[in-house]
Protein backbone atom coordinates (compact mmCIF):
# COMPACT_ATOMS: atom_id res chain seq x y z
CA MET A 1 0.00 0.00 0.00
CA ASP A 2 1.22 3.50 -0.85
CA LEU A 3 1.27 5.39 2.46
CA PHE A 4 1.25 8.71 0.61
CA SER A 5 -1.72 7.98 -1.65
CA SER A 6 -4.14 10.90 -1.76
CA GLU A 7 -7.08 8.49 -1.99
CA LYS A 8 -7.01 7.85 1.75
CA ILE A 9 -7.01 11.54 2.76
CA LYS A 10 -10.45 12.56 4.00
CA ASN A 11 -11.92 15.80 5.38
CA ILE A 12 -13.81 14.57 8.44
CA LEU A 13 -15.68 17.86 9.04
CA PRO A 14 -19.06 18.28 7.27
CA PHE A 15 -18.81 22.09 7.04
CA ASP A 16 -17.08 25.24 8.40
CA GLY A 17 -13.56 23.89 8.26
CA ILE A 18 -11.08 21.43 6.82
CA THR A 19 -9.59 18.67 8.95
CA ASN A 20 -7.91 16.03 6.83
CA TYR A 21 -7.30 12.57 8.24
CA HIS A 22 -4.33 11.12 6.36
CA GLY A 23 -4.47 7.76 8.09
CA ILE A 24 -1.29 5.90 9.02
CA VAL A 25 1.89 7.61 7.76
CA LEU A 26 4.36 5.67 9.95
CA ASN A 27 4.41 1.88 9.89
CA LYS A 28 4.59 -0.11 13.15
CA GLU A 29 8.39 -0.31 13.17
CA GLN A 30 8.81 3.42 12.50
CA SER A 31 6.11 4.35 15.00
CA ASP A 32 7.62 2.21 17.76
CA PHE A 33 11.10 3.61 17.05
CA TYR A 34 10.06 7.27 17.31
CA TYR A 35 7.78 6.61 20.28
CA GLN A 36 10.67 5.15 22.30
CA LYS A 37 13.15 7.79 21.13
CA LEU A 38 10.83 10.66 22.08
CA LEU A 39 10.03 9.12 25.47
CA GLU A 40 13.76 8.99 26.23
CA THR A 41 15.09 12.20 24.67
CA ILE A 42 12.37 14.88 24.91
CA ALA A 43 12.56 17.34 27.84
CA TRP A 44 9.14 16.45 29.23
CA LYS A 45 7.57 18.67 31.93
CA ASN A 46 4.16 18.80 33.56
CA ASP A 47 2.07 21.41 31.78
CA GLU A 48 1.03 24.63 33.52
CA ALA A 49 -2.00 26.80 32.80
CA LEU A 50 -3.68 29.80 34.37
CA ILE A 51 -7.37 29.03 34.94
CA PHE A 52 -9.34 31.95 36.41
CA GLY A 53 -6.10 33.36 37.77
CA LYS A 54 -5.04 30.12 39.46
CA LYS A 55 -2.02 28.13 38.26
CA ILE A 56 -2.93 24.54 37.42
CA ILE A 57 -0.33 21.80 36.92
CA THR A 58 -1.50 18.92 34.76
CA LYS A 59 -0.68 15.22 35.03
CA ARG A 60 0.11 15.06 31.34
CA LYS A 61 3.54 16.25 30.31
CA VAL A 62 4.43 18.61 27.48
CA ALA A 63 7.43 19.96 25.61
CA TRP A 64 7.81 22.70 23.03
CA TYR A 65 10.41 22.70 20.28
CA GLY A 66 11.05 24.98 17.32
CA SER A 67 13.35 25.98 14.48
CA SER A 68 14.57 28.83 16.71
CA GLU A 69 14.33 29.68 20.42
CA PHE A 70 11.23 31.85 20.18
CA SER A 71 8.72 32.29 23.01
CA TYR A 72 5.10 31.15 22.89
CA THR A 73 2.23 32.02 25.24
CA TYR A 74 -0.88 29.91 25.72
CA SER A 75 -3.22 29.44 28.70
CA GLY A 76 -1.52 32.43 30.31
CA ILE A 77 1.90 30.75 30.48
CA THR A 78 4.92 31.73 28.35
CA LYS A 79 7.23 28.98 27.15
CA LYS A 80 10.54 29.17 25.30
CA ALA A 81 11.15 26.71 22.50
CA LEU A 82 13.99 24.22 22.56
CA LEU A 83 15.67 23.57 19.23
CA PHE A 84 14.35 20.69 17.12
CA THR A 85 16.08 17.37 17.80
CA GLU A 86 17.22 15.09 14.98
CA GLU A 87 14.12 12.91 15.40
CA LEU A 88 11.73 15.88 15.49
CA THR A 89 13.32 17.31 12.34
CA ALA A 90 12.83 13.98 10.56
CA LEU A 91 9.18 13.80 11.65
CA LYS A 92 8.61 17.44 10.67
CA ASN A 93 9.96 16.73 7.19
CA LEU A 94 7.70 13.70 6.85
CA VAL A 95 4.62 15.63 8.03
CA GLU A 96 5.41 18.55 5.71
CA LYS A 97 5.70 16.19 2.73
CA GLU A 98 2.46 14.42 3.62
CA SER A 99 0.42 17.56 4.38
CA GLY A 100 1.87 19.95 1.81
CA GLU A 101 2.34 22.55 4.57
CA THR A 102 5.36 23.96 6.43
CA TYR A 103 5.84 24.27 10.20
CA ASN A 104 8.35 25.98 12.49
CA SER A 105 7.38 24.55 15.89
CA CYS A 106 6.04 21.48 17.62
CA LEU A 107 4.09 21.18 20.86
CA LEU A 108 4.34 17.62 22.20
CA ASN A 109 1.95 16.03 24.69
CA LEU A 110 2.58 12.88 26.73
CA TYR A 111 -0.56 11.20 28.10
CA HIS A 112 0.45 8.45 30.52
CA SER A 113 -2.88 6.59 30.26
CA GLY A 114 -6.45 7.03 29.08
CA GLU A 115 -7.32 8.82 32.31
CA GLU A 116 -5.39 11.86 31.06
CA GLY A 117 -7.04 13.92 28.34
CA MET A 118 -7.72 17.43 27.11
CA ALA A 119 -10.91 19.50 27.50
CA TYR A 120 -12.70 21.13 24.56
CA HIS A 121 -10.72 24.07 23.17
CA SER A 122 -9.59 25.66 19.93
CA ASP A 123 -6.04 26.67 19.06
CA GLY A 124 -6.55 30.37 18.45
CA GLU A 125 -3.49 31.97 20.04
CA LYS A 126 -2.52 35.25 18.39
CA MET A 127 1.03 34.04 17.73
CA LEU A 128 -0.20 31.22 15.50
CA LYS A 129 -0.38 31.80 11.76
CA LYS A 130 -3.99 32.82 11.00
CA ASN A 131 -5.88 29.82 9.58
CA GLY A 132 -2.55 28.00 9.46
CA ALA A 133 -2.38 24.22 9.47
CA ILE A 134 -1.87 22.28 12.71
CA ALA A 135 -0.67 18.74 12.07
CA SER A 136 -1.27 16.14 14.78
CA LEU A 137 0.89 13.01 14.66
CA SER A 138 -0.07 10.17 17.06
CA LEU A 139 2.34 7.63 18.56
CA GLY A 140 1.62 4.95 21.13
CA ALA A 141 -1.92 4.21 22.32
CA GLU A 142 -4.87 4.75 20.00
CA ARG A 143 -7.31 7.34 21.36
CA LYS A 144 -10.66 8.80 20.39
CA PHE A 145 -10.56 12.47 19.33
CA SER A 146 -13.68 14.65 19.28
CA PHE A 147 -14.80 17.82 17.49
CA LYS A 148 -17.78 19.98 18.48
CA HIS A 149 -19.16 22.82 16.36
CA LYS A 150 -19.28 26.09 18.31
CA GLU A 151 -22.76 27.02 17.07
CA THR A 152 -24.65 23.86 16.12
CA LYS A 153 -22.95 21.67 18.80
CA GLN A 154 -22.69 18.86 16.23
CA ARG A 155 -20.03 16.35 17.29
CA ILE A 156 -17.59 14.38 15.18
CA ASP A 157 -15.53 11.53 16.70
CA ILE A 158 -12.51 9.81 15.15
CA LEU A 159 -10.11 7.12 16.37
CA LEU A 160 -6.53 8.32 16.01
CA GLU A 161 -4.49 5.26 15.11
CA ARG A 162 -0.85 4.69 16.05
CA GLY A 163 1.35 6.39 13.47
CA SER A 164 -1.52 8.42 12.02
CA LEU A 165 -1.71 12.06 10.92
CA LEU A 166 -4.59 14.53 11.34
CA VAL A 167 -4.27 18.05 9.85
CA MET A 168 -6.57 20.88 10.99
CA LYS A 169 -6.54 23.89 8.66
CA ASP A 170 -8.55 26.72 7.06
CA VAL A 171 -11.26 28.05 9.45
CA THR A 172 -11.46 24.91 11.62
CA GLN A 173 -10.23 26.69 14.77
CA GLN A 174 -12.76 29.51 14.30
CA ASN A 175 -15.75 27.19 14.10
CA TRP A 176 -14.89 23.96 15.91
CA LEU A 177 -13.67 22.95 19.36
CA HIS A 178 -11.68 19.74 19.80
CA ARG A 179 -10.73 17.53 22.72
CA LEU A 180 -9.11 14.27 23.75
CA PRO A 181 -11.74 12.65 26.00
CA PRO A 182 -10.47 10.63 28.97
CA THR A 183 -11.21 6.91 29.02
CA LYS A 184 -10.73 4.04 31.47
CA LYS A 185 -10.20 1.58 28.60
CA VAL A 186 -6.67 2.71 27.68
CA PHE A 187 -3.78 1.84 30.04
CA THR A 188 -0.71 2.70 27.96
CA PRO A 189 0.86 6.09 27.07
CA ARG A 190 0.26 8.19 23.96
CA ILE A 191 2.59 10.80 22.49
CA ASN A 192 0.97 13.48 20.36
CA LEU A 193 3.07 15.85 18.25
CA THR A 194 1.30 18.99 17.05
CA PHE A 195 3.32 20.74 14.37
CA ARG A 196 2.28 24.36 13.93
CA THR A 197 3.50 27.68 12.54
CA ILE A 198 4.30 30.63 14.79
CA ASP A 199 3.90 33.95 12.94
CA LEU A 200 7.23 35.72 13.49
CA ASN A 201 6.24 38.97 11.73
């Protein structure tokens, strides 16, 4: 099977946005290799966020890398990017080839089990390129991923397979929320890489 065949790319949103599911872009051997490498080499830290003025520290761990050491603010917390590692550069190149987009940063999430997730939100930080693509690469455990339209409340669910790529673009962030719902059925970790473009102008 041709992993880069356009026939398997599908926009999963019915309207008001484009979110293309590219399916599996890393085979099992590649996926397992990068999963283990990232577990061992990424500078993981518990995430911090300001919620109603109170600092919250999450169970899940995060890391932020980029093509330069620029700063990035989300959820009221400013982070400074570490420089892309060799493995992240290789994955960025693969994702850019598959998606036809370019990226200059990557926010990584480490969910230790299904009990850790992410609430509904949209990635609308001012530093992000307006209507720019956000490419989500999944390693490790398979997890359900949900979208909810901001007006109609229509919900779309998709199972993100190990080694798969999901690309949110166009006006998706303006019109849809997304989340990673917690589950008691998953006991192993998942690493999620979200490649994005910081507007440096």
